[in-house]
């Protein structure tokens, strides 16, 4: 439901055709991540930033090879990823409230990047 409700205003995870997922968390990508997280918190909606730094910056991967030009996408993504509530007890009404709250926030902060 998040993909359908938010896919035109944020980059939202989707299943491949015919695919299914048991989402452990549901991540969206938006350049307004920090403001959106604060707004959701003000509305009593939890959200989490799981991906604080890129994989290649973490200790486990520090010795892996890198391109000479850097990893610009990997550097940028952690600044834009926010995880929304996702669990088996999340009602459709709660999902609707989360979607509406995000749509209202993004809509009131005009510059956004719709995902393809």
Protein backbone atom coordinates (compact mmCIF):
# COMPACT_ATOMS: atom_id res chain seq x y z
CA UNK A 1 0.00 0.00 0.00
CA UNK A 2 2.88 2.39 0.65
CA UNK A 3 4.12 2.02 -2.94
CA UNK A 4 0.70 2.84 -4.36
CA UNK A 5 0.06 5.68 -1.91
CA UNK A 6 3.49 7.29 -2.04
CA UNK A 7 5.17 6.17 -5.26
CA UNK A 8 4.47 9.42 -7.09
CA UNK A 9 6.12 11.64 -4.44
CA UNK A 10 8.97 9.52 -3.01
CA UNK A 11 10.98 6.59 -4.24
CA UNK A 12 9.17 3.64 -2.71
CA UNK A 13 10.15 -0.01 -2.64
CA UNK A 14 8.08 -2.26 -4.89
CA UNK A 15 7.84 -5.98 -5.50
CA UNK A 16 8.74 -7.31 -8.91
CA UNK A 17 5.79 -8.52 -10.96
CA UNK A 18 4.55 -11.70 -9.36
CA UNK A 19 6.90 -11.25 -6.41
CA UNK A 20 6.09 -11.15 -2.73
CA UNK A 21 7.98 -9.85 0.26
CA UNK A 22 7.90 -10.26 4.01
CA UNK A 23 9.16 -6.72 4.64
CA UNK A 24 11.39 -6.43 7.70
CA UNK A 25 11.26 -2.67 7.24
CA UNK A 26 9.90 -0.47 4.50
CA UNK A 27 12.33 2.11 3.18
CA UNK A 28 11.47 5.19 1.16
CA UNK A 29 13.86 7.64 -0.45
CA UNK A 30 13.30 11.39 -0.28
CA UNK A 31 15.58 14.43 -0.20
CA UNK A 32 13.33 15.68 2.64
CA UNK A 33 14.17 12.75 4.92
CA UNK A 34 15.16 14.66 8.06
CA UNK A 35 12.24 17.07 7.95
CA UNK A 36 9.83 14.24 7.18
CA UNK A 37 11.16 12.17 10.09
CA UNK A 38 10.64 15.13 12.45
CA UNK A 39 7.13 15.73 11.08
CA UNK A 40 6.15 12.08 11.48
CA UNK A 41 7.44 12.15 15.06
CA UNK A 42 5.34 15.24 15.82
CA UNK A 43 2.31 13.31 14.57
CA UNK A 44 3.14 10.28 16.73
CA UNK A 45 4.24 8.14 13.78
CA UNK A 46 7.51 6.28 14.33
CA UNK A 47 10.16 6.12 11.64
CA UNK A 48 13.76 4.92 11.71
CA UNK A 49 17.00 5.75 9.93
CA UNK A 50 18.70 2.35 9.75
CA UNK A 51 21.25 3.26 7.10
CA UNK A 52 23.33 6.03 8.65
CA UNK A 53 26.45 5.58 6.56
CA UNK A 54 27.27 3.82 3.31
CA UNK A 55 28.45 0.22 3.41
CA UNK A 56 31.91 1.05 2.10
CA UNK A 57 32.40 3.38 5.09
CA UNK A 58 31.66 0.68 7.63
CA UNK A 59 34.46 -1.25 9.30
CA UNK A 60 33.50 -4.58 7.73
CA UNK A 61 33.91 -3.16 4.22
CA UNK A 62 36.72 -0.63 4.62
CA UNK A 63 39.28 -2.85 2.87
CA UNK A 64 37.10 -3.61 -0.16
CA UNK A 65 38.21 -2.06 -3.46
CA UNK A 66 36.69 1.24 -4.53
CA UNK A 67 36.55 3.03 -7.83
CA UNK A 68 39.05 5.86 -8.30
CA UNK A 69 36.16 8.29 -8.87
CA UNK A 70 34.46 7.40 -5.60
CA UNK A 71 31.04 6.02 -4.80
CA UNK A 72 28.81 9.07 -5.12
CA UNK A 73 25.49 7.21 -5.10
CA UNK A 74 26.52 5.15 -2.07
CA UNK A 75 27.56 8.34 -0.30
CA UNK A 76 24.29 10.11 -1.07
CA UNK A 77 21.66 7.42 -0.42
CA UNK A 78 22.04 7.18 3.37
CA UNK A 79 21.07 10.86 3.56
CA UNK A 80 17.72 10.16 1.88
CA UNK A 81 16.51 6.78 3.20
CA UNK A 82 13.81 6.60 5.89
CA UNK A 83 12.07 3.45 7.12
CA UNK A 84 8.35 3.53 7.82
CA UNK A 85 6.32 1.38 10.20
CA UNK A 86 5.90 -2.13 8.81
CA UNK A 87 4.61 -5.02 10.88
CA UNK A 88 1.77 -7.55 10.76
CA UNK A 89 -0.40 -5.56 13.18
CA UNK A 90 -0.35 -2.33 11.17
CA UNK A 91 -3.98 -1.68 10.26
CA UNK A 92 -5.14 -0.26 6.95
CA UNK A 93 -6.36 2.81 8.85
CA UNK A 94 -2.87 3.33 10.30
CA UNK A 95 -1.34 2.85 6.85
CA UNK A 96 -3.76 5.42 5.43
CA UNK A 97 -2.83 7.89 8.18
CA UNK A 98 0.90 7.40 7.53
CA UNK A 99 0.44 7.84 3.78
CA UNK A 100 -1.74 10.93 4.22
CA UNK A 101 0.71 12.48 6.71
CA UNK A 102 3.63 11.96 4.31
CA UNK A 103 1.65 13.26 1.32
CA UNK A 104 0.62 16.37 3.26
CA UNK A 105 4.19 17.05 4.37
CA UNK A 106 5.74 16.55 0.94
CA UNK A 107 2.94 18.55 -0.70
CA UNK A 108 3.43 21.49 1.67
CA UNK A 109 7.18 21.45 0.95
CA UNK A 110 6.93 21.86 -2.80
CA UNK A 111 10.32 20.74 -4.16
CA UNK A 112 10.37 16.95 -4.22
CA UNK A 113 11.71 14.24 -6.41
CA UNK A 114 9.18 11.73 -7.66
CA UNK A 115 10.70 8.32 -8.16
CA UNK A 116 10.48 6.18 -11.20
